[in-house]
Amino acid sequence: MKIDSKTVDKLAELSKLEFDEAGKKEIEKDLNRIVEFVEKLSELDTSNVEPLIYMSEGTNVMRDDVVKQVITQQEALKNAPVKDSDYIKVPKVITKEN
């Protein structure tokens, strides 16, 4: 697989990034190096290698969830800068593009 300028443009559009021409060439070069590395890994014989499930032998130590302080809905809304009777209002952050 070869990464070209068109692929970089599409990735930039999908990720909402903008590059100047020099930056685009650098990204193209870096992505091609990554693809070459992954293709090089496919040359290895992994038929007798067990899949790696965990990176270390450690396990998560979980604690029980214990309610320490309960506040009412009205107390939660008390310091909200913009609210209605039930919710804290926040500005819209996601827009729909056509």
PDB file of N, CA and C in Angstrom:
ATOM      1  N   MET A   1       0.849  -1.179   0.000  1.00  0.00           N
ATOM      2  CA  MET A   1       0.000   0.000   0.000  1.00  0.00           C
ATOM      3  C   MET A   1       0.889   1.234   0.000  1.00  0.00           C
ATOM      4  N   LYS A   2       0.525   2.181  -0.802  1.00  0.00           N
ATOM      5  CA  LYS A   2       1.290   3.425  -0.906  1.00  0.00           C
ATOM      6  C   LYS A   2       0.384   4.589  -0.542  1.00  0.00           C
ATOM      7  N   ILE A   3       0.862   5.432   0.358  1.00  0.00           N
ATOM      8  CA  ILE A   3       0.132   6.639   0.756  1.00  0.00           C
ATOM      9  C   ILE A   3       0.514   7.751  -0.215  1.00  0.00           C
ATOM     10  N   ASP A   4      -0.481   8.360  -0.842  1.00  0.00           N
ATOM     11  CA  ASP A   4      -0.221   9.475  -1.752  1.00  0.00           C
ATOM     12  C   ASP A   4      -0.873  10.745  -1.217  1.00  0.00           C
ATOM     13  N   SER A   5      -0.713  11.822  -1.961  1.00  0.00           N
ATOM     14  CA  SER A   5      -1.237  13.121  -1.540  1.00  0.00           C
ATOM     15  C   SER A   5      -2.760  13.091  -1.392  1.00  0.00           C
ATOM     16  N   LYS A   6      -3.428  12.358  -2.260  1.00  0.00           N
ATOM     17  CA  LYS A   6      -4.882  12.257  -2.193  1.00  0.00           C
ATOM     18  C   LYS A   6      -5.324  11.569  -0.891  1.00  0.00           C
ATOM     19  N   THR A   7      -4.601  10.535  -0.488  1.00  0.00           N
ATOM     20  CA  THR A   7      -4.917   9.837   0.768  1.00  0.00           C
ATOM     21  C   THR A   7      -4.703  10.755   1.960  1.00  0.00           C
ATOM     22  N   VAL A   8      -3.633  11.531   1.942  1.00  0.00           N
ATOM     23  CA  VAL A   8      -3.367  12.484   3.025  1.00  0.00           C
ATOM     24  C   VAL A   8      -4.473  13.533   3.086  1.00  0.00           C
ATOM     25  N   ASP A   9      -4.920  14.004   1.932  1.00  0.00           N
ATOM     26  CA  ASP A   9      -6.016  14.975   1.905  1.00  0.00           C
ATOM     27  C   ASP A   9      -7.286  14.389   2.518  1.00  0.00           C
ATOM     28  N   LYS A  10      -7.592  13.145   2.180  1.00  0.00           N
ATOM     29  CA  LYS A  10      -8.796  12.501   2.712  1.00  0.00           C
ATOM     30  C   LYS A  10      -8.674  12.305   4.225  1.00  0.00           C
ATOM     31  N   LEU A  11      -7.515  11.853   4.701  1.00  0.00           N
ATOM     32  CA  LEU A  11      -7.307  11.682   6.141  1.00  0.00           C
ATOM     33  C   LEU A  11      -7.402  13.022   6.871  1.00  0.00           C
ATOM     34  N   ALA A  12      -6.857  14.066   6.276  1.00  0.00           N
ATOM     35  CA  ALA A  12      -6.926  15.394   6.887  1.00  0.00           C
ATOM     36  C   ALA A  12      -8.375  15.853   6.990  1.00  0.00           C
ATOM     37  N   GLU A  13      -9.148  15.592   5.939  1.00  0.00           N
ATOM     38  CA  GLU A  13     -10.565  15.968   5.959  1.00  0.00           C
ATOM     39  C   GLU A  13     -11.321  15.204   7.033  1.00  0.00           C
ATOM     40  N   LEU A  14     -11.087  13.894   7.112  1.00  0.00           N
ATOM     41  CA  LEU A  14     -11.787  13.075   8.111  1.00  0.00           C
ATOM     42  C   LEU A  14     -11.410  13.450   9.539  1.00  0.00           C
ATOM     43  N   SER A  15     -10.150  13.833   9.735  1.00  0.00           N
ATOM     44  CA  SER A  15      -9.689  14.163  11.083  1.00  0.00           C
ATOM     45  C   SER A  15      -9.776  15.655  11.384  1.00  0.00           C
ATOM     46  N   LYS A  16     -10.315  16.425  10.450  1.00  0.00           N
ATOM     47  CA  LYS A  16     -10.488  17.872  10.619  1.00  0.00           C
ATOM     48  C   LYS A  16      -9.161  18.573  10.898  1.00  0.00           C
ATOM     49  N   LEU A  17      -8.112  18.143  10.171  1.00  0.00           N
ATOM     50  CA  LEU A  17      -6.795  18.758  10.310  1.00  0.00           C
ATOM     51  C   LEU A  17      -6.466  19.521   9.035  1.00  0.00           C
ATOM     52  N   GLU A  18      -5.628  20.516   9.165  1.00  0.00           N
ATOM     53  CA  GLU A  18      -5.181  21.280   8.007  1.00  0.00           C
ATOM     54  C   GLU A  18      -3.661  21.296   7.997  1.00  0.00           C
ATOM     55  N   PHE A  19      -3.087  21.075   6.806  1.00  0.00           N
ATOM     56  CA  PHE A  19      -1.640  21.082   6.647  1.00  0.00           C
ATOM     57  C   PHE A  19      -1.269  22.003   5.500  1.00  0.00           C
ATOM     58  N   ASP A  20      -0.135  22.679   5.633  1.00  0.00           N
ATOM     59  CA  ASP A  20       0.400  23.378   4.477  1.00  0.00           C
ATOM     60  C   ASP A  20       1.103  22.330   3.606  1.00  0.00           C
ATOM     61  N   GLU A  21       1.615  22.723   2.455  1.00  0.00           N
ATOM     62  CA  GLU A  21       2.214  21.750   1.528  1.00  0.00           C
ATOM     63  C   GLU A  21       3.406  21.024   2.155  1.00  0.00           C
ATOM     64  N   ALA A  22       4.240  21.752   2.904  1.00  0.00           N
ATOM     65  CA  ALA A  22       5.402  21.119   3.542  1.00  0.00           C
ATOM     66  C   ALA A  22       4.936  20.113   4.587  1.00  0.00           C
ATOM     67  N   GLY A  23       3.932  20.488   5.369  1.00  0.00           N
ATOM     68  CA  GLY A  23       3.401  19.583   6.386  1.00  0.00           C
ATOM     69  C   GLY A  23       2.766  18.357   5.765  1.00  0.00           C
ATOM     70  N   LYS A  24       2.079  18.564   4.636  1.00  0.00           N
ATOM     71  CA  LYS A  24       1.440  17.445   3.945  1.00  0.00           C
ATOM     72  C   LYS A  24       2.486  16.442   3.453  1.00  0.00           C
ATOM     73  N   LYS A  25       3.596  16.948   2.915  1.00  0.00           N
ATOM     74  CA  LYS A  25       4.675  16.059   2.443  1.00  0.00           C
ATOM     75  C   LYS A  25       5.286  15.283   3.603  1.00  0.00           C
ATOM     76  N   GLU A  26       5.458  15.945   4.752  1.00  0.00           N
ATOM     77  CA  GLU A  26       6.000  15.261   5.939  1.00  0.00           C
ATOM     78  C   GLU A  26       5.053  14.159   6.421  1.00  0.00           C
ATOM     79  N   ILE A  27       3.749  14.466   6.470  1.00  0.00           N
ATOM     80  CA  ILE A  27       2.763  13.470   6.891  1.00  0.00           C
ATOM     81  C   ILE A  27       2.759  12.298   5.924  1.00  0.00           C
ATOM     82  N   GLU A  28       2.809  12.590   4.633  1.00  0.00           N
ATOM     83  CA  GLU A  28       2.830  11.531   3.621  1.00  0.00           C
ATOM     84  C   GLU A  28       4.048  10.626   3.818  1.00  0.00           C
ATOM     85  N   LYS A  29       5.215  11.240   4.056  1.00  0.00           N
ATOM     86  CA  LYS A  29       6.443  10.472   4.272  1.00  0.00           C
ATOM     87  C   LYS A  29       6.332   9.619   5.539  1.00  0.00           C
ATOM     88  N   ASP A  30       5.819  10.200   6.631  1.00  0.00           N
ATOM     89  CA  ASP A  30       5.674   9.460   7.882  1.00  0.00           C
ATOM     90  C   ASP A  30       4.699   8.298   7.745  1.00  0.00           C
ATOM     91  N   LEU A  31       3.561   8.538   7.087  1.00  0.00           N
ATOM     92  CA  LEU A  31       2.575   7.469   6.917  1.00  0.00           C
ATOM     93  C   LEU A  31       3.128   6.345   6.054  1.00  0.00           C
ATOM     94  N   ASN A  32       3.901   6.669   5.032  1.00  0.00           N
ATOM     95  CA  ASN A  32       4.520   5.628   4.208  1.00  0.00           C
ATOM     96  C   ASN A  32       5.521   4.805   5.007  1.00  0.00           C
ATOM     97  N   ARG A  33       6.266   5.454   5.905  1.00  0.00           N
ATOM     98  CA  ARG A  33       7.201   4.717   6.765  1.00  0.00           C
ATOM     99  C   ARG A  33       6.449   3.782   7.704  1.00  0.00           C
ATOM    100  N   ILE A  34       5.313   4.230   8.228  1.00  0.00           N
ATOM    101  CA  ILE A  34       4.499   3.387   9.118  1.00  0.00           C
ATOM    102  C   ILE A  34       3.973   2.176   8.352  1.00  0.00           C
ATOM    103  N   VAL A  35       3.460   2.410   7.154  1.00  0.00           N
ATOM    104  CA  VAL A  35       2.922   1.309   6.346  1.00  0.00           C
ATOM    105  C   VAL A  35       4.033   0.313   5.996  1.00  0.00           C
ATOM    106  N   GLU A  36       5.214   0.818   5.628  1.00  0.00           N
ATOM    107  CA  GLU A  36       6.344  -0.066   5.331  1.00  0.00           C
ATOM    108  C   GLU A  36       6.714  -0.909   6.542  1.00  0.00           C
ATOM    109  N   PHE A  37       6.697  -0.306   7.733  1.00  0.00           N
ATOM    110  CA  PHE A  37       7.014  -1.045   8.951  1.00  0.00           C
ATOM    111  C   PHE A  37       6.001  -2.161   9.193  1.00  0.00           C
ATOM    112  N   VAL A  38       4.709  -1.849   9.047  1.00  0.00           N
ATOM    113  CA  VAL A  38       3.670  -2.855   9.263  1.00  0.00           C
ATOM    114  C   VAL A  38       3.800  -3.969   8.226  1.00  0.00           C
ATOM    115  N   GLU A  39       4.078  -3.613   6.979  1.00  0.00           N
ATOM    116  CA  GLU A  39       4.270  -4.630   5.951  1.00  0.00           C
ATOM    117  C   GLU A  39       5.484  -5.502   6.252  1.00  0.00           C
ATOM    118  N   LYS A  40       6.518  -4.916   6.813  1.00  0.00           N
ATOM    119  CA  LYS A  40       7.711  -5.683   7.205  1.00  0.00           C
ATOM    120  C   LYS A  40       7.359  -6.699   8.297  1.00  0.00           C
ATOM    121  N   LEU A  41       6.479  -6.299   9.223  1.00  0.00           N
ATOM    122  CA  LEU A  41       6.069  -7.220  10.285  1.00  0.00           C
ATOM    123  C   LEU A  41       5.330  -8.431   9.733  1.00  0.00           C
ATOM    124  N   SER A  42       4.625  -8.250   8.623  1.00  0.00           N
ATOM    125  CA  SER A  42       3.869  -9.373   8.059  1.00  0.00           C
ATOM    126  C   SER A  42       4.783 -10.460   7.500  1.00  0.00           C
ATOM    127  N   GLU A  43       6.072 -10.169   7.339  1.00  0.00           N
ATOM    128  CA  GLU A  43       7.023 -11.165   6.872  1.00  0.00           C
ATOM    129  C   GLU A  43       7.392 -12.172   7.963  1.00  0.00           C
ATOM    130  N   LEU A  44       7.123 -11.833   9.229  1.00  0.00           N
ATOM    131  CA  LEU A  44       7.489 -12.721  10.332  1.00  0.00           C
ATOM    132  C   LEU A  44       6.561 -13.922  10.413  1.00  0.00           C
ATOM    133  N   ASP A  45       7.130 -15.070  10.774  1.00  0.00           N
ATOM    134  CA  ASP A  45       6.323 -16.264  10.993  1.00  0.00           C
ATOM    135  C   ASP A  45       5.784 -16.222  12.420  1.00  0.00           C
ATOM    136  N   THR A  46       4.490 -16.035  12.553  1.00  0.00           N
ATOM    137  CA  THR A  46       3.862 -15.954  13.876  1.00  0.00           C
ATOM    138  C   THR A  46       2.941 -17.145  14.130  1.00  0.00           C
ATOM    139  N   SER A  47       3.127 -18.229  13.392  1.00  0.00           N
ATOM    140  CA  SER A  47       2.225 -19.376  13.512  1.00  0.00           C
ATOM    141  C   SER A  47       2.270 -20.024  14.898  1.00  0.00           C
ATOM    142  N   ASN A  48       3.403 -19.969  15.596  1.00  0.00           N
ATOM    143  CA  ASN A  48       3.506 -20.589  16.920  1.00  0.00           C
ATOM    144  C   ASN A  48       3.541 -19.565  18.056  1.00  0.00           C
ATOM    145  N   VAL A  49       3.083 -18.360  17.794  1.00  0.00           N
ATOM    146  CA  VAL A  49       3.105 -17.304  18.800  1.00  0.00           C
ATOM    147  C   VAL A  49       1.702 -17.134  19.366  1.00  0.00           C
ATOM    148  N   GLU A  50       1.603 -17.218  20.685  1.00  0.00           N
ATOM    149  CA  GLU A  50       0.321 -17.025  21.351  1.00  0.00           C
ATOM    150  C   GLU A  50      -0.072 -15.551  21.295  1.00  0.00           C
ATOM    151  N   PRO A  51      -1.349 -15.271  21.099  1.00  0.00           N
ATOM    152  CA  PRO A  51      -1.769 -13.861  21.095  1.00  0.00           C
ATOM    153  C   PRO A  51      -1.531 -13.211  22.453  1.00  0.00           C
ATOM    154  N   LEU A  52      -1.133 -11.954  22.417  1.00  0.00           N
ATOM    155  CA  LEU A  52      -0.893 -11.203  23.640  1.00  0.00           C
ATOM    156  C   LEU A  52      -2.208 -10.595  24.100  1.00  0.00           C
ATOM    157  N   ILE A  53      -2.641 -10.992  25.281  1.00  0.00           N
ATOM    158  CA  ILE A  53      -3.895 -10.470  25.803  1.00  0.00           C
ATOM    159  C   ILE A  53      -3.627  -9.287  26.723  1.00  0.00           C
ATOM    160  N   TYR A  54      -2.624  -9.412  27.587  1.00  0.00           N
ATOM    161  CA  TYR A  54      -2.289  -8.347  28.535  1.00  0.00           C
ATOM    162  C   TYR A  54      -0.827  -7.973  28.378  1.00  0.00           C
ATOM    163  N   MET A  55      -0.549  -6.696  28.525  1.00  0.00           N
ATOM    164  CA  MET A  55       0.828  -6.223  28.389  1.00  0.00           C
ATOM    165  C   MET A  55       1.685  -6.545  29.607  1.00  0.00           C
ATOM    166  N   SER A  56       1.057  -6.744  30.764  1.00  0.00           N
ATOM    167  CA  SER A  56       1.810  -7.059  31.970  1.00  0.00           C
ATOM    168  C   SER A  56       1.026  -8.069  32.793  1.00  0.00           C
ATOM    169  N   GLU A  57       1.675  -8.575  33.808  1.00  0.00           N
ATOM    170  CA  GLU A  57       1.037  -9.554  34.682  1.00  0.00           C
ATOM    171  C   GLU A  57       0.145  -8.893  35.737  1.00  0.00           C
ATOM    172  N   GLY A  58       0.248  -7.591  35.878  1.00  0.00           N
ATOM    173  CA  GLY A  58      -0.537  -6.879  36.883  1.00  0.00           C
ATOM    174  C   GLY A  58      -2.025  -6.893  36.577  1.00  0.00           C
ATOM    175  N   THR A  59      -2.805  -6.800  37.618  1.00  0.00           N
ATOM    176  CA  THR A  59      -4.252  -6.732  37.442  1.00  0.00           C
ATOM    177  C   THR A  59      -4.770  -5.466  38.108  1.00  0.00           C
ATOM    178  N   ASN A  60      -5.918  -5.015  37.671  1.00  0.00           N
ATOM    179  CA  ASN A  60      -6.521  -3.826  38.265  1.00  0.00           C
ATOM    180  C   ASN A  60      -7.015  -4.142  39.673  1.00  0.00           C
ATOM    181  N   VAL A  61      -6.768  -3.217  40.566  1.00  0.00           N
ATOM    182  CA  VAL A  61      -7.299  -3.335  41.918  1.00  0.00           C
ATOM    183  C   VAL A  61      -8.496  -2.396  41.989  1.00  0.00           C
ATOM    184  N   MET A  62      -9.645  -2.980  42.158  1.00  0.00           N
ATOM    185  CA  MET A  62     -10.866  -2.185  42.161  1.00  0.00           C
ATOM    186  C   MET A  62     -11.335  -1.963  43.598  1.00  0.00           C
ATOM    187  N   ARG A  63     -11.976  -0.858  43.804  1.00  0.00           N
ATOM    188  CA  ARG A  63     -12.581  -0.593  45.100  1.00  0.00           C
ATOM    189  C   ARG A  63     -14.087  -0.582  44.917  1.00  0.00           C
ATOM    190  N   ASP A  64     -14.799  -0.816  45.978  1.00  0.00           N
ATOM    191  CA  ASP A  64     -16.244  -0.755  45.923  1.00  0.00           C
ATOM    192  C   ASP A  64     -16.684   0.700  45.802  1.00  0.00           C
ATOM    193  N   ASP A  65     -17.702   0.929  45.002  1.00  0.00           N
ATOM    194  CA  ASP A  65     -18.287   2.258  44.926  1.00  0.00           C
ATOM    195  C   ASP A  65     -19.122   2.494  46.178  1.00  0.00           C
ATOM    196  N   VAL A  66     -18.770   3.533  46.889  1.00  0.00           N
ATOM    197  CA  VAL A  66     -19.497   3.866  48.110  1.00  0.00           C
ATOM    198  C   VAL A  66     -19.934   5.325  48.000  1.00  0.00           C
ATOM    199  N   VAL A  67     -21.214   5.563  48.173  1.00  0.00           N
ATOM    200  CA  VAL A  67     -21.722   6.929  48.127  1.00  0.00           C
ATOM    201  C   VAL A  67     -21.269   7.642  49.389  1.00  0.00           C
ATOM    202  N   LYS A  68     -20.555   8.756  49.216  1.00  0.00           N
ATOM    203  CA  LYS A  68     -20.060   9.485  50.377  1.00  0.00           C
ATOM    204  C   LYS A  68     -20.856  10.751  50.630  1.00  0.00           C
ATOM    205  N   GLN A  69     -21.370  11.368  49.580  1.00  0.00           N
ATOM    206  CA  GLN A  69     -22.128  12.596  49.750  1.00  0.00           C
ATOM    207  C   GLN A  69     -23.214  12.611  48.679  1.00  0.00           C
ATOM    208  N   VAL A  70     -24.405  12.861  49.082  1.00  0.00           N
ATOM    209  CA  VAL A  70     -25.518  12.922  48.141  1.00  0.00           C
ATOM    210  C   VAL A  70     -26.048  14.351  48.121  1.00  0.00           C
ATOM    211  N   ILE A  71     -26.235  14.875  46.901  1.00  0.00           N
ATOM    212  CA  ILE A  71     -26.841  16.192  46.792  1.00  0.00           C
ATOM    213  C   ILE A  71     -28.119  16.048  45.971  1.00  0.00           C
ATOM    214  N   THR A  72     -29.018  16.916  46.206  1.00  0.00           N
ATOM    215  CA  THR A  72     -30.277  16.880  45.476  1.00  0.00           C
ATOM    216  C   THR A  72     -30.098  17.531  44.109  1.00  0.00           C
ATOM    217  N   GLN A  73     -31.071  17.338  43.246  1.00  0.00           N
ATOM    218  CA  GLN A  73     -31.029  17.957  41.933  1.00  0.00           C
ATOM    219  C   GLN A  73     -31.016  19.475  42.049  1.00  0.00           C
ATOM    220  N   GLN A  74     -31.795  20.007  42.960  1.00  0.00           N
ATOM    221  CA  GLN A  74     -31.825  21.462  43.155  1.00  0.00           C
ATOM    222  C   GLN A  74     -30.479  21.991  43.633  1.00  0.00           C
ATOM    223  N   GLU A  75     -29.808  21.256  44.528  1.00  0.00           N
ATOM    224  CA  GLU A  75     -28.482  21.685  44.981  1.00  0.00           C
ATOM    225  C   GLU A  75     -27.478  21.648  43.833  1.00  0.00           C
ATOM    226  N   ALA A  76     -27.593  20.642  42.960  1.00  0.00           N
ATOM    227  CA  ALA A  76     -26.690  20.543  41.809  1.00  0.00           C
ATOM    228  C   ALA A  76     -26.915  21.691  40.841  1.00  0.00           C
ATOM    229  N   LEU A  77     -28.147  22.118  40.679  1.00  0.00           N
ATOM    230  CA  LEU A  77     -28.476  23.200  39.749  1.00  0.00           C
ATOM    231  C   LEU A  77     -28.215  24.593  40.325  1.00  0.00           C
ATOM    232  N   LYS A  78     -28.039  24.676  41.628  1.00  0.00           N
ATOM    233  CA  LYS A  78     -27.945  25.965  42.307  1.00  0.00           C
ATOM    234  C   LYS A  78     -26.863  26.877  41.726  1.00  0.00           C
ATOM    235  N   ASN A  79     -25.678  26.344  41.424  1.00  0.00           N
ATOM    236  CA  ASN A  79     -24.575  27.172  40.945  1.00  0.00           C
ATOM    237  C   ASN A  79     -24.379  27.119  39.431  1.00  0.00           C
ATOM    238  N   ALA A  80     -25.282  26.475  38.714  1.00  0.00           N
ATOM    239  CA  ALA A  80     -25.161  26.404  37.255  1.00  0.00           C
ATOM    240  C   ALA A  80     -25.406  27.775  36.648  1.00  0.00           C
ATOM    241  N   PRO A  81     -24.554  28.217  35.743  1.00  0.00           N
ATOM    242  CA  PRO A  81     -24.735  29.546  35.158  1.00  0.00           C
ATOM    243  C   PRO A  81     -25.997  29.659  34.308  1.00  0.00           C
ATOM    244  N   VAL A  82     -26.344  28.589  33.578  1.00  0.00           N
ATOM    245  CA  VAL A  82     -27.556  28.590  32.758  1.00  0.00           C
ATOM    246  C   VAL A  82     -28.265  27.270  33.010  1.00  0.00           C
ATOM    247  N   LYS A  83     -29.545  27.355  33.364  1.00  0.00           N
ATOM    248  CA  LYS A  83     -30.284  26.135  33.693  1.00  0.00           C
ATOM    249  C   LYS A  83     -31.758  26.347  33.414  1.00  0.00           C
ATOM    250  N   ASP A  84     -32.493  25.240  33.360  1.00  0.00           N
ATOM    251  CA  ASP A  84     -33.943  25.343  33.375  1.00  0.00           C
ATOM    252  C   ASP A  84     -34.396  24.612  34.636  1.00  0.00           C
ATOM    253  N   SER A  85     -35.598  24.172  34.695  1.00  0.00           N
ATOM    254  CA  SER A  85     -36.079  23.583  35.946  1.00  0.00           C
ATOM    255  C   SER A  85     -35.425  22.242  36.274  1.00  0.00           C
ATOM    256  N   ASP A  86     -34.913  21.537  35.257  1.00  0.00           N
ATOM    257  CA  ASP A  86     -34.378  20.191  35.507  1.00  0.00           C
ATOM    258  C   ASP A  86     -32.932  19.971  35.085  1.00  0.00           C
ATOM    259  N   TYR A  87     -32.396  20.804  34.181  1.00  0.00           N
ATOM    260  CA  TYR A  87     -31.102  20.504  33.579  1.00  0.00           C
ATOM    261  C   TYR A  87     -30.186  21.717  33.568  1.00  0.00           C
ATOM    262  N   ILE A  88     -28.875  21.429  33.519  1.00  0.00           N
ATOM    263  CA  ILE A  88     -27.874  22.454  33.269  1.00  0.00           C
ATOM    264  C   ILE A  88     -27.799  22.612  31.759  1.00  0.00           C
ATOM    265  N   LYS A  89     -27.898  23.824  31.261  1.00  0.00           N
ATOM    266  CA  LYS A  89     -27.823  24.076  29.824  1.00  0.00           C
ATOM    267  C   LYS A  89     -26.382  24.418  29.459  1.00  0.00           C
ATOM    268  N   VAL A  90     -25.923  23.812  28.374  1.00  0.00           N
ATOM    269  CA  VAL A  90     -24.570  24.071  27.875  1.00  0.00           C
ATOM    270  C   VAL A  90     -24.661  24.413  26.399  1.00  0.00           C
ATOM    271  N   PRO A  91     -23.650  25.113  25.862  1.00  0.00           N
ATOM    272  CA  PRO A  91     -23.668  25.450  24.432  1.00  0.00           C
ATOM    273  C   PRO A  91     -23.568  24.191  23.579  1.00  0.00           C
ATOM    274  N   LYS A  92     -24.174  24.231  22.405  1.00  0.00           N
ATOM    275  CA  LYS A  92     -24.091  23.134  21.457  1.00  0.00           C
ATOM    276  C   LYS A  92     -22.676  23.037  20.953  1.00  0.00           C
ATOM    277  N   VAL A  93     -22.088  21.847  20.972  1.00  0.00           N
ATOM    278  CA  VAL A  93     -20.695  21.683  20.532  1.00  0.00           C
ATOM    279  C   VAL A  93     -20.573  20.833  19.280  1.00  0.00           C
ATOM    280  N   ILE A  94     -21.627  20.155  18.880  1.00  0.00           N
ATOM    281  CA  ILE A  94     -21.584  19.322  17.690  1.00  0.00           C
ATOM    282  C   ILE A  94     -22.523  19.936  16.649  1.00  0.00           C
ATOM    283  N   THR A  95     -22.001  20.124  15.467  1.00  0.00           N
ATOM    284  CA  THR A  95     -22.817  20.655  14.393  1.00  0.00           C
ATOM    285  C   THR A  95     -22.964  19.606  13.312  1.00  0.00           C
ATOM    286  N   LYS A  96     -24.093  19.627  12.631  1.00  0.00           N
ATOM    287  CA  LYS A  96     -24.358  18.678  11.552  1.00  0.00           C
ATOM    288  C   LYS A  96     -23.971  19.312  10.231  1.00  0.00           C
ATOM    289  N   GLU A  97     -23.106  18.607   9.471  1.00  0.00           N
ATOM    290  CA  GLU A  97     -22.696  19.088   8.166  1.00  0.00           C
ATOM    291  C   GLU A  97     -23.426  18.288   7.104  1.00  0.00           C
ATOM    292  N   ASN A  98     -23.796  18.947   6.055  1.00  0.00           N
ATOM    293  CA  ASN A  98     -24.479  18.260   4.953  1.00  0.00           C
ATOM    294  C   ASN A  98     -23.528  17.844   3.879  1.00  0.00           C
TER     295      ASN A  98
END
